[in-house]
Amino acid sequence: MTMESIKRVQAVPSKLLNEDQQLQLAGIHKKLLGQVARKPLGTEAAECYTLDMQKLAPISYGVPGAGRIRVPDFDKPYILAHNHPNGGTFSVGDINQLLSRENLRVLTAVGNDGTVYALEKGVDFDANLADWMMRKIKGENPGWSNAPELHQKVVLEFLKGAEAFGLHYFTPGN
């Protein structure tokens, strides 16, 4: 990770956050990458904030290369911002966490290259339909948990249809 990658971080559109909050979230992503830059390569980190950008808990770090971070759930609507050292979009685990946590409203992943992805629950979010769709897609792709290409296929197929059950997926440039 370089200062250039941190500078590349941009605000992502949101239907829940106003323009000022979107800029604050971009600042949180930059700060998160700055913190991770001081850790061993491959370290993931996460922070949680209220929708009005108040920090809910200290930064959590994962084991370098393990791809897992333990973060608490909260009893009020919140944002979970975390990094992906490989710069990729969400994992099945990320999506499952969003689906299973009622108050988790916005999930973001910022790559060590500065790319930001966001998933947010709209007012029409249907958790049962989203969960059913994820189970269906996983069932159509046996072995997805052990094959990186199938894992990515499950994620992309789910994200492609996310609007149908009230999830808004924001990628660079949209």
N, C-alpha and C. Protein backbone atom coordinates (compact mmCIF):
# COMPACT_ATOMS: atom_id res chain seq x y z
N MET A 1 0.86 -1.17 0.00
CA MET A 1 0.00 0.00 0.00
C MET A 1 0.90 1.23 0.00
N THR A 2 0.47 2.23 -0.76
CA THR A 2 1.24 3.46 -0.88
C THR A 2 0.37 4.66 -0.55
N MET A 3 1.01 5.81 -0.41
CA MET A 3 0.25 7.04 -0.20
C MET A 3 -0.66 7.30 -1.40
N GLU A 4 -0.23 6.91 -2.60
CA GLU A 4 -1.05 7.10 -3.80
C GLU A 4 -2.34 6.29 -3.70
N SER A 5 -2.25 5.07 -3.16
CA SER A 5 -3.47 4.26 -3.04
C SER A 5 -4.42 4.88 -2.03
N ILE A 6 -3.88 5.44 -0.96
CA ILE A 6 -4.74 6.10 0.03
C ILE A 6 -5.38 7.34 -0.59
N LYS A 7 -4.63 8.07 -1.39
CA LYS A 7 -5.17 9.26 -2.05
C LYS A 7 -6.25 8.90 -3.08
N ARG A 8 -6.21 7.68 -3.62
CA ARG A 8 -7.19 7.25 -4.63
C ARG A 8 -8.57 6.97 -4.03
N VAL A 9 -8.65 6.81 -2.73
CA VAL A 9 -9.94 6.52 -2.08
C VAL A 9 -10.90 7.65 -2.39
N GLN A 10 -12.09 7.29 -2.87
CA GLN A 10 -13.12 8.27 -3.19
C GLN A 10 -14.39 7.95 -2.41
N ALA A 11 -15.21 8.95 -2.26
CA ALA A 11 -16.52 8.73 -1.64
C ALA A 11 -17.36 7.87 -2.57
N VAL A 12 -18.13 6.96 -1.98
CA VAL A 12 -19.04 6.15 -2.77
C VAL A 12 -20.45 6.70 -2.61
N PRO A 13 -21.26 6.58 -3.64
CA PRO A 13 -22.64 7.06 -3.54
C PRO A 13 -23.39 6.29 -2.45
N SER A 14 -24.43 6.90 -1.95
CA SER A 14 -25.24 6.26 -0.92
C SER A 14 -26.66 6.79 -0.99
N LYS A 15 -27.59 5.93 -0.66
CA LYS A 15 -28.99 6.35 -0.54
C LYS A 15 -29.33 6.65 0.91
N LEU A 16 -28.47 6.21 1.84
CA LEU A 16 -28.71 6.43 3.27
C LEU A 16 -27.92 7.60 3.83
N LEU A 17 -26.77 7.86 3.25
CA LEU A 17 -25.87 8.89 3.77
C LEU A 17 -25.91 10.12 2.88
N ASN A 18 -25.89 11.31 3.51
CA ASN A 18 -25.85 12.53 2.71
C ASN A 18 -24.43 12.75 2.19
N GLU A 19 -24.25 13.78 1.39
CA GLU A 19 -22.95 14.02 0.74
C GLU A 19 -21.83 14.23 1.76
N ASP A 20 -22.12 14.97 2.83
CA ASP A 20 -21.11 15.20 3.86
C ASP A 20 -20.72 13.90 4.55
N GLN A 21 -21.70 13.05 4.85
CA GLN A 21 -21.42 11.76 5.48
C GLN A 21 -20.64 10.84 4.53
N GLN A 22 -20.94 10.92 3.24
CA GLN A 22 -20.19 10.14 2.27
C GLN A 22 -18.72 10.56 2.26
N LEU A 23 -18.47 11.85 2.35
CA LEU A 23 -17.08 12.34 2.40
C LEU A 23 -16.41 11.92 3.70
N GLN A 24 -17.15 11.96 4.81
CA GLN A 24 -16.60 11.50 6.09
C GLN A 24 -16.24 10.01 6.01
N LEU A 25 -17.08 9.23 5.37
CA LEU A 25 -16.81 7.81 5.21
C LEU A 25 -15.56 7.59 4.36
N ALA A 26 -15.37 8.39 3.33
CA ALA A 26 -14.14 8.30 2.54
C ALA A 26 -12.93 8.58 3.42
N GLY A 27 -13.04 9.56 4.31
CA GLY A 27 -11.96 9.84 5.25
C GLY A 27 -11.68 8.68 6.18
N ILE A 28 -12.74 8.00 6.60
CA ILE A 28 -12.59 6.82 7.45
C ILE A 28 -11.85 5.72 6.69
N HIS A 29 -12.17 5.54 5.42
CA HIS A 29 -11.47 4.55 4.60
C HIS A 29 -9.99 4.89 4.48
N LYS A 30 -9.68 6.15 4.27
CA LYS A 30 -8.27 6.58 4.17
C LYS A 30 -7.53 6.32 5.47
N LYS A 31 -8.17 6.68 6.58
CA LYS A 31 -7.55 6.47 7.89
C LYS A 31 -7.34 4.98 8.15
N LEU A 32 -8.32 4.17 7.78
CA LEU A 32 -8.22 2.73 7.96
C LEU A 32 -7.02 2.17 7.20
N LEU A 33 -6.87 2.61 5.95
CA LEU A 33 -5.72 2.15 5.17
C LEU A 33 -4.41 2.62 5.78
N GLY A 34 -4.40 3.83 6.31
CA GLY A 34 -3.20 4.34 6.97
C GLY A 34 -2.83 3.49 8.18
N GLN A 35 -3.83 3.05 8.93
CA GLN A 35 -3.57 2.19 10.10
C GLN A 35 -3.06 0.82 9.67
N VAL A 36 -3.65 0.27 8.62
CA VAL A 36 -3.25 -1.06 8.13
C VAL A 36 -1.85 -1.01 7.54
N ALA A 37 -1.46 0.11 6.99
CA ALA A 37 -0.12 0.23 6.39
C ALA A 37 0.98 0.00 7.42
N ARG A 38 0.67 0.19 8.69
CA ARG A 38 1.64 0.00 9.77
C ARG A 38 1.68 -1.45 10.26
N LYS A 39 0.82 -2.29 9.70
CA LYS A 39 0.72 -3.69 10.12
C LYS A 39 1.36 -4.59 9.07
N PRO A 40 1.55 -5.88 9.41
CA PRO A 40 2.11 -6.80 8.41
C PRO A 40 1.22 -6.89 7.17
N LEU A 41 1.84 -7.11 6.04
CA LEU A 41 1.13 -7.25 4.77
C LEU A 41 0.04 -8.32 4.90
N GLY A 42 -1.14 -8.03 4.37
CA GLY A 42 -2.26 -8.97 4.41
C GLY A 42 -3.18 -8.80 5.60
N THR A 43 -2.90 -7.81 6.45
CA THR A 43 -3.74 -7.58 7.62
C THR A 43 -5.05 -6.92 7.22
N GLU A 44 -6.15 -7.46 7.73
CA GLU A 44 -7.45 -6.82 7.56
C GLU A 44 -7.81 -6.11 8.86
N ALA A 45 -8.57 -5.03 8.70
CA ALA A 45 -9.01 -4.25 9.86
C ALA A 45 -10.42 -3.76 9.60
N ALA A 46 -11.13 -3.46 10.69
CA ALA A 46 -12.52 -3.00 10.55
C ALA A 46 -12.83 -1.98 11.64
N GLU A 47 -13.75 -1.09 11.32
CA GLU A 47 -14.27 -0.12 12.28
C GLU A 47 -15.77 0.02 12.05
N CYS A 48 -16.49 0.33 13.11
CA CYS A 48 -17.94 0.51 13.01
C CYS A 48 -18.32 1.92 13.46
N TYR A 49 -19.28 2.50 12.74
CA TYR A 49 -19.74 3.86 12.99
C TYR A 49 -21.26 3.90 12.91
N THR A 50 -21.85 4.85 13.63
CA THR A 50 -23.28 5.10 13.48
C THR A 50 -23.49 5.74 12.11
N LEU A 51 -24.74 5.86 11.70
CA LEU A 51 -25.02 6.48 10.40
C LEU A 51 -24.68 7.97 10.39
N ASP A 52 -24.53 8.58 11.57
CA ASP A 52 -24.09 9.97 11.61
C ASP A 52 -22.59 10.08 11.93
N MET A 53 -21.87 8.98 11.65
CA MET A 53 -20.41 8.92 11.67
C MET A 53 -19.77 9.02 13.06
N GLN A 54 -20.48 8.54 14.06
CA GLN A 54 -19.88 8.46 15.40
C GLN A 54 -19.29 7.07 15.58
N LYS A 55 -18.03 7.02 15.99
CA LYS A 55 -17.34 5.74 16.15
C LYS A 55 -18.00 4.92 17.26
N LEU A 56 -18.24 3.63 16.98
CA LEU A 56 -18.89 2.75 17.94
C LEU A 56 -17.92 1.88 18.73
N ALA A 57 -16.77 1.57 18.15
CA ALA A 57 -15.82 0.67 18.80
C ALA A 57 -14.43 0.92 18.24
N PRO A 58 -13.40 0.56 19.00
CA PRO A 58 -12.04 0.72 18.49
C PRO A 58 -11.82 -0.16 17.26
N ILE A 59 -10.82 0.16 16.49
CA ILE A 59 -10.48 -0.62 15.31
C ILE A 59 -10.18 -2.06 15.72
N SER A 60 -10.64 -3.01 14.91
CA SER A 60 -10.36 -4.43 15.13
C SER A 60 -9.43 -4.90 14.03
N TYR A 61 -8.43 -5.69 14.39
CA TYR A 61 -7.49 -6.23 13.42
C TYR A 61 -7.63 -7.74 13.34
N GLY A 62 -7.47 -8.26 12.14
CA GLY A 62 -7.44 -9.70 11.95
C GLY A 62 -6.02 -10.21 11.90
N VAL A 63 -5.87 -11.51 11.83
CA VAL A 63 -4.57 -12.13 11.68
C VAL A 63 -4.14 -11.97 10.22
N PRO A 64 -2.91 -11.48 9.96
CA PRO A 64 -2.48 -11.30 8.58
C PRO A 64 -2.71 -12.55 7.73
N GLY A 65 -3.37 -12.35 6.58
CA GLY A 65 -3.62 -13.44 5.65
C GLY A 65 -4.79 -14.34 5.99
N ALA A 66 -5.39 -14.17 7.17
CA ALA A 66 -6.48 -15.06 7.58
C ALA A 66 -7.82 -14.67 6.96
N GLY A 67 -7.99 -13.40 6.62
CA GLY A 67 -9.22 -12.97 5.97
C GLY A 67 -10.44 -12.91 6.86
N ARG A 68 -10.24 -12.88 8.16
CA ARG A 68 -11.38 -12.81 9.08
C ARG A 68 -11.11 -11.78 10.16
N ILE A 69 -12.17 -11.02 10.47
CA ILE A 69 -12.10 -10.04 11.54
C ILE A 69 -13.35 -10.23 12.39
N ARG A 70 -13.17 -10.20 13.68
CA ARG A 70 -14.31 -10.28 14.59
C ARG A 70 -14.71 -8.86 14.97
N VAL A 71 -15.94 -8.51 14.67
CA VAL A 71 -16.46 -7.20 15.05
C VAL A 71 -17.79 -7.39 15.77
N PRO A 72 -18.05 -6.56 16.77
CA PRO A 72 -19.31 -6.70 17.50
C PRO A 72 -20.50 -6.26 16.66
N ASP A 73 -21.67 -6.71 17.04
CA ASP A 73 -22.92 -6.25 16.47
C ASP A 73 -23.44 -5.14 17.40
N PHE A 74 -24.29 -4.28 16.89
CA PHE A 74 -24.76 -3.15 17.68
C PHE A 74 -26.27 -3.09 17.64
N ASP A 75 -26.85 -2.42 18.64
CA ASP A 75 -28.30 -2.34 18.77
C ASP A 75 -28.88 -1.08 18.14
N LYS A 76 -28.10 -0.42 17.29
CA LYS A 76 -28.58 0.75 16.54
C LYS A 76 -28.01 0.65 15.13
N PRO A 77 -28.63 1.29 14.15
CA PRO A 77 -28.13 1.23 12.77
C PRO A 77 -26.66 1.68 12.70
N TYR A 78 -25.87 0.90 11.93
CA TYR A 78 -24.45 1.22 11.84
C TYR A 78 -23.83 0.85 10.50
N ILE A 79 -22.61 1.34 10.35
CA ILE A 79 -21.77 1.11 9.17
C ILE A 79 -20.58 0.28 9.61
N LEU A 80 -20.24 -0.73 8.84
CA LEU A 80 -19.03 -1.50 9.07
C LEU A 80 -18.10 -1.25 7.89
N ALA A 81 -16.98 -0.61 8.16
CA ALA A 81 -15.97 -0.34 7.13
C ALA A 81 -14.78 -1.25 7.38
N HIS A 82 -14.35 -1.96 6.36
CA HIS A 82 -13.17 -2.81 6.50
C HIS A 82 -12.35 -2.79 5.22
N ASN A 83 -11.15 -3.33 5.31
CA ASN A 83 -10.29 -3.36 4.14
C ASN A 83 -10.17 -4.77 3.58
N HIS A 84 -9.85 -4.82 2.31
CA HIS A 84 -9.52 -6.07 1.63
C HIS A 84 -8.13 -5.88 1.02
N PRO A 85 -7.12 -6.54 1.58
CA PRO A 85 -5.77 -6.35 1.07
C PRO A 85 -5.62 -6.62 -0.43
N ASN A 86 -6.43 -7.54 -0.97
CA ASN A 86 -6.32 -7.86 -2.40
C ASN A 86 -7.06 -6.89 -3.31
N GLY A 87 -7.80 -5.95 -2.73
CA GLY A 87 -8.51 -4.96 -3.54
C GLY A 87 -9.82 -5.45 -4.12
N GLY A 88 -10.22 -6.67 -3.79
CA GLY A 88 -11.43 -7.24 -4.36
C GLY A 88 -12.70 -6.80 -3.65
N THR A 89 -13.82 -7.19 -4.25
CA THR A 89 -15.13 -6.87 -3.70
C THR A 89 -15.43 -7.76 -2.50
N PHE A 90 -16.67 -7.85 -2.11
CA PHE A 90 -17.08 -8.57 -0.92
C PHE A 90 -16.90 -10.08 -1.06
N SER A 91 -16.81 -10.74 0.08
CA SER A 91 -16.78 -12.20 0.14
C SER A 91 -18.17 -12.70 0.54
N VAL A 92 -18.39 -13.99 0.41
CA VAL A 92 -19.64 -14.58 0.88
C VAL A 92 -19.81 -14.31 2.37
N GLY A 93 -18.73 -14.41 3.13
CA GLY A 93 -18.79 -14.13 4.56
C GLY A 93 -19.22 -12.71 4.85
N ASP A 94 -18.69 -11.75 4.08
CA ASP A 94 -19.09 -10.35 4.25
C ASP A 94 -20.60 -10.20 4.02
N ILE A 95 -21.06 -10.77 2.92
CA ILE A 95 -22.48 -10.65 2.56
C ILE A 95 -23.36 -11.33 3.62
N ASN A 96 -22.95 -12.51 4.06
CA ASN A 96 -23.73 -13.21 5.09
C ASN A 96 -23.82 -12.38 6.37
N GLN A 97 -22.74 -11.70 6.72
CA GLN A 97 -22.75 -10.85 7.90
C GLN A 97 -23.76 -9.71 7.73
N LEU A 98 -23.77 -9.09 6.56
CA LEU A 98 -24.72 -8.02 6.30
C LEU A 98 -26.16 -8.54 6.39
N LEU A 99 -26.40 -9.71 5.83
CA LEU A 99 -27.75 -10.27 5.82
C LEU A 99 -28.22 -10.66 7.22
N SER A 100 -27.31 -11.12 8.06
CA SER A 100 -27.71 -11.65 9.36
C SER A 100 -27.78 -10.61 10.47
N ARG A 101 -27.24 -9.43 10.25
CA ARG A 101 -27.23 -8.40 11.28
C ARG A 101 -28.26 -7.32 10.95
N GLU A 102 -29.31 -7.29 11.72
CA GLU A 102 -30.42 -6.39 11.44
C GLU A 102 -30.00 -4.92 11.37
N ASN A 103 -29.15 -4.50 12.28
CA ASN A 103 -28.78 -3.08 12.34
C ASN A 103 -27.59 -2.70 11.48
N LEU A 104 -26.93 -3.68 10.88
CA LEU A 104 -25.84 -3.37 9.95
C LEU A 104 -26.47 -2.88 8.65
N ARG A 105 -26.37 -1.59 8.40
CA ARG A 105 -27.05 -0.99 7.25
C ARG A 105 -26.14 -0.75 6.07
N VAL A 106 -24.86 -0.48 6.34
CA VAL A 106 -23.90 -0.21 5.25
C VAL A 106 -22.65 -1.02 5.53
N LEU A 107 -22.21 -1.76 4.54
CA LEU A 107 -20.97 -2.53 4.61
C LEU A 107 -20.05 -2.02 3.52
N THR A 108 -18.82 -1.68 3.88
CA THR A 108 -17.87 -1.22 2.87
C THR A 108 -16.61 -2.05 2.93
N ALA A 109 -15.96 -2.17 1.79
CA ALA A 109 -14.65 -2.81 1.70
C ALA A 109 -13.77 -1.89 0.87
N VAL A 110 -12.64 -1.51 1.44
CA VAL A 110 -11.68 -0.68 0.72
C VAL A 110 -10.43 -1.52 0.48
N GLY A 111 -10.03 -1.57 -0.77
CA GLY A 111 -8.84 -2.33 -1.12
C GLY A 111 -7.57 -1.57 -0.78
N ASN A 112 -6.50 -2.29 -0.57
CA ASN A 112 -5.23 -1.64 -0.30
C ASN A 112 -4.77 -0.79 -1.50
N ASP A 113 -5.46 -0.95 -2.63
CA ASP A 113 -5.18 -0.12 -3.81
C ASP A 113 -6.05 1.14 -3.84
N GLY A 114 -6.94 1.32 -2.85
CA GLY A 114 -7.80 2.50 -2.77
C GLY A 114 -9.18 2.32 -3.36
N THR A 115 -9.47 1.17 -3.93
CA THR A 115 -10.80 0.90 -4.49
C THR A 115 -11.79 0.66 -3.36
N VAL A 116 -12.97 1.27 -3.46
CA VAL A 116 -13.99 1.13 -2.42
C VAL A 116 -15.25 0.49 -3.01
N TYR A 117 -15.79 -0.48 -2.28
CA TYR A 117 -17.07 -1.12 -2.61
C TYR A 117 -18.01 -0.89 -1.45
N ALA A 118 -19.30 -0.74 -1.73
CA ALA A 118 -20.28 -0.55 -0.66
C ALA A 118 -21.55 -1.33 -0.97
N LEU A 119 -22.14 -1.88 0.09
CA LEU A 119 -23.44 -2.54 0.02
C LEU A 119 -24.28 -1.93 1.12
N GLU A 120 -25.48 -1.46 0.77
CA GLU A 120 -26.33 -0.90 1.80
C GLU A 120 -27.75 -1.41 1.65
N LYS A 121 -28.39 -1.54 2.81
CA LYS A 121 -29.76 -2.00 2.85
C LYS A 121 -30.69 -0.82 2.58
N GLY A 122 -31.53 -0.98 1.57
CA GLY A 122 -32.53 0.03 1.26
C GLY A 122 -33.75 -0.13 2.15
N VAL A 123 -34.67 0.82 2.04
CA VAL A 123 -35.89 0.75 2.83
C VAL A 123 -36.73 -0.47 2.45
N ASP A 124 -36.53 -0.98 1.24
CA ASP A 124 -37.27 -2.14 0.77
C ASP A 124 -36.49 -3.45 0.93
N PHE A 125 -35.45 -3.45 1.77
CA PHE A 125 -34.62 -4.64 1.96
C PHE A 125 -35.46 -5.79 2.49
N ASP A 126 -35.34 -6.96 1.86
CA ASP A 126 -36.06 -8.16 2.25
C ASP A 126 -35.03 -9.22 2.64
N ALA A 127 -34.77 -9.34 3.94
CA ALA A 127 -33.74 -10.25 4.44
C ALA A 127 -34.03 -11.70 4.06
N ASN A 128 -35.30 -12.11 4.12
CA ASN A 128 -35.65 -13.49 3.80
C ASN A 128 -35.37 -13.81 2.34
N LEU A 129 -35.74 -12.90 1.45
CA LEU A 129 -35.49 -13.12 0.03
C LEU A 129 -33.99 -13.11 -0.27
N ALA A 130 -33.26 -12.21 0.34
CA ALA A 130 -31.81 -12.14 0.12
C ALA A 130 -31.14 -13.42 0.61
N ASP A 131 -31.53 -13.89 1.78
CA ASP A 131 -30.97 -15.12 2.33
C ASP A 131 -31.31 -16.31 1.44
N TRP A 132 -32.55 -16.38 0.98
CA TRP A 132 -32.96 -17.46 0.08
C TRP A 132 -32.12 -17.44 -1.20
N MET A 133 -31.91 -16.23 -1.75
CA MET A 133 -31.13 -16.12 -2.99
C MET A 133 -29.69 -16.58 -2.78
N MET A 134 -29.08 -16.19 -1.65
CA MET A 134 -27.71 -16.61 -1.39
C MET A 134 -27.63 -18.13 -1.27
N ARG A 135 -28.57 -18.74 -0.55
CA ARG A 135 -28.58 -20.19 -0.41
C ARG A 135 -28.77 -20.87 -1.76
N LYS A 136 -29.63 -20.32 -2.59
CA LYS A 136 -29.89 -20.88 -3.93
C LYS A 136 -28.62 -20.83 -4.78
N ILE A 137 -27.95 -19.69 -4.79
CA ILE A 137 -26.74 -19.54 -5.61
C ILE A 137 -25.63 -20.46 -5.11
N LYS A 138 -25.48 -20.56 -3.79
CA LYS A 138 -24.47 -21.48 -3.24
C LYS A 138 -24.80 -22.91 -3.63
N GLY A 139 -26.08 -23.28 -3.57
CA GLY A 139 -26.49 -24.63 -3.94
C GLY A 139 -26.23 -24.96 -5.40
N GLU A 140 -26.29 -23.96 -6.25
CA GLU A 140 -26.02 -24.16 -7.67
C GLU A 140 -24.54 -24.21 -7.99
N ASN A 141 -23.71 -23.94 -6.98
CA ASN A 141 -22.25 -23.91 -7.17
C ASN A 141 -21.58 -24.76 -6.09
N PRO A 142 -21.79 -26.09 -6.14
CA PRO A 142 -21.19 -26.94 -5.11
C PRO A 142 -19.67 -26.77 -5.10
N GLY A 143 -19.12 -26.79 -3.91
CA GLY A 143 -17.69 -26.62 -3.76
C GLY A 143 -17.23 -25.17 -3.74
N TRP A 144 -18.19 -24.24 -3.71
CA TRP A 144 -17.85 -22.82 -3.77
C TRP A 144 -16.92 -22.40 -2.65
N SER A 145 -17.03 -23.04 -1.48
CA SER A 145 -16.23 -22.60 -0.34
C SER A 145 -14.77 -23.05 -0.43
N ASN A 146 -14.48 -23.97 -1.34
CA ASN A 146 -13.10 -24.45 -1.48
C ASN A 146 -12.46 -24.06 -2.80
N ALA A 147 -13.21 -23.39 -3.66
CA ALA A 147 -12.68 -23.02 -4.98
C ALA A 147 -12.83 -21.51 -5.16
N PRO A 148 -11.72 -20.78 -5.15
CA PRO A 148 -11.80 -19.31 -5.26
C PRO A 148 -12.61 -18.81 -6.45
N GLU A 149 -12.51 -19.48 -7.58
CA GLU A 149 -13.25 -19.00 -8.76
C GLU A 149 -14.76 -19.18 -8.58
N LEU A 150 -15.18 -20.28 -7.92
CA LEU A 150 -16.60 -20.48 -7.65
C LEU A 150 -17.09 -19.53 -6.56
N HIS A 151 -16.25 -19.27 -5.58
CA HIS A 151 -16.59 -18.31 -4.52
C HIS A 151 -16.89 -16.96 -5.16
N GLN A 152 -16.01 -16.53 -6.04
CA GLN A 152 -16.19 -15.24 -6.73
C GLN A 152 -17.44 -15.26 -7.59
N LYS A 153 -17.72 -16.39 -8.23
CA LYS A 153 -18.93 -16.51 -9.06
C LYS A 153 -20.18 -16.35 -8.20
N VAL A 154 -20.21 -16.97 -7.03
CA VAL A 154 -21.35 -16.86 -6.11
C VAL A 154 -21.55 -15.40 -5.72
N VAL A 155 -20.47 -14.74 -5.34
CA VAL A 155 -20.56 -13.34 -4.93
C VAL A 155 -21.09 -12.47 -6.06
N LEU A 156 -20.50 -12.58 -7.23
CA LEU A 156 -20.90 -11.72 -8.35
C LEU A 156 -22.33 -11.97 -8.79
N GLU A 157 -22.75 -13.23 -8.78
CA GLU A 157 -24.14 -13.54 -9.15
C GLU A 157 -25.11 -12.95 -8.13
N PHE A 158 -24.76 -13.06 -6.85
CA PHE A 158 -25.61 -12.49 -5.81
C PHE A 158 -25.69 -10.97 -5.97
N LEU A 159 -24.55 -10.33 -6.14
CA LEU A 159 -24.52 -8.86 -6.25
C LEU A 159 -25.26 -8.37 -7.50
N LYS A 160 -25.21 -9.15 -8.56
CA LYS A 160 -25.89 -8.78 -9.81
C LYS A 160 -27.39 -8.64 -9.60
N GLY A 161 -27.95 -9.47 -8.72
CA GLY A 161 -29.40 -9.42 -8.47
C GLY A 161 -29.78 -8.73 -7.18
N ALA A 162 -28.84 -8.05 -6.54
CA ALA A 162 -29.06 -7.49 -5.21
C ALA A 162 -30.20 -6.47 -5.14
N GLU A 163 -30.38 -5.68 -6.17
CA GLU A 163 -31.44 -4.66 -6.15
C GLU A 163 -32.82 -5.28 -6.00
N ALA A 164 -33.00 -6.51 -6.48
CA ALA A 164 -34.31 -7.17 -6.41
C ALA A 164 -34.78 -7.39 -4.98
N PHE A 165 -33.85 -7.46 -4.04
CA PHE A 165 -34.26 -7.64 -2.64
C PHE A 165 -33.81 -6.48 -1.77
N GLY A 166 -33.61 -5.32 -2.38
CA GLY A 166 -33.38 -4.09 -1.62
C GLY A 166 -31.97 -3.82 -1.15
N LEU A 167 -30.99 -4.47 -1.77
CA LEU A 167 -29.59 -4.16 -1.47
C LEU A 167 -29.03 -3.31 -2.60
N HIS A 168 -28.36 -2.23 -2.23
CA HIS A 168 -27.75 -1.37 -3.23
C HIS A 168 -26.24 -1.58 -3.21
N TYR A 169 -25.70 -1.96 -4.37
CA TYR A 169 -24.27 -2.28 -4.50
C TYR A 169 -23.61 -1.15 -5.28
N PHE A 170 -22.63 -0.55 -4.65
CA PHE A 170 -21.89 0.55 -5.27
C PHE A 170 -20.47 0.10 -5.52
N THR A 171 -20.04 0.29 -6.76
CA THR A 171 -18.68 -0.06 -7.16
C THR A 171 -18.00 1.19 -7.69
N PRO A 172 -16.69 1.13 -7.87
CA PRO A 172 -16.02 2.31 -8.42
C PRO A 172 -16.65 2.74 -9.74
N GLY A 173 -16.92 4.01 -9.85
CA GLY A 173 -17.44 4.57 -11.09
C GLY A 173 -18.96 4.52 -11.23
N ASN A 174 -19.68 4.03 -10.22
CA ASN A 174 -21.16 4.06 -10.38
C ASN A 174 -21.83 4.82 -9.27
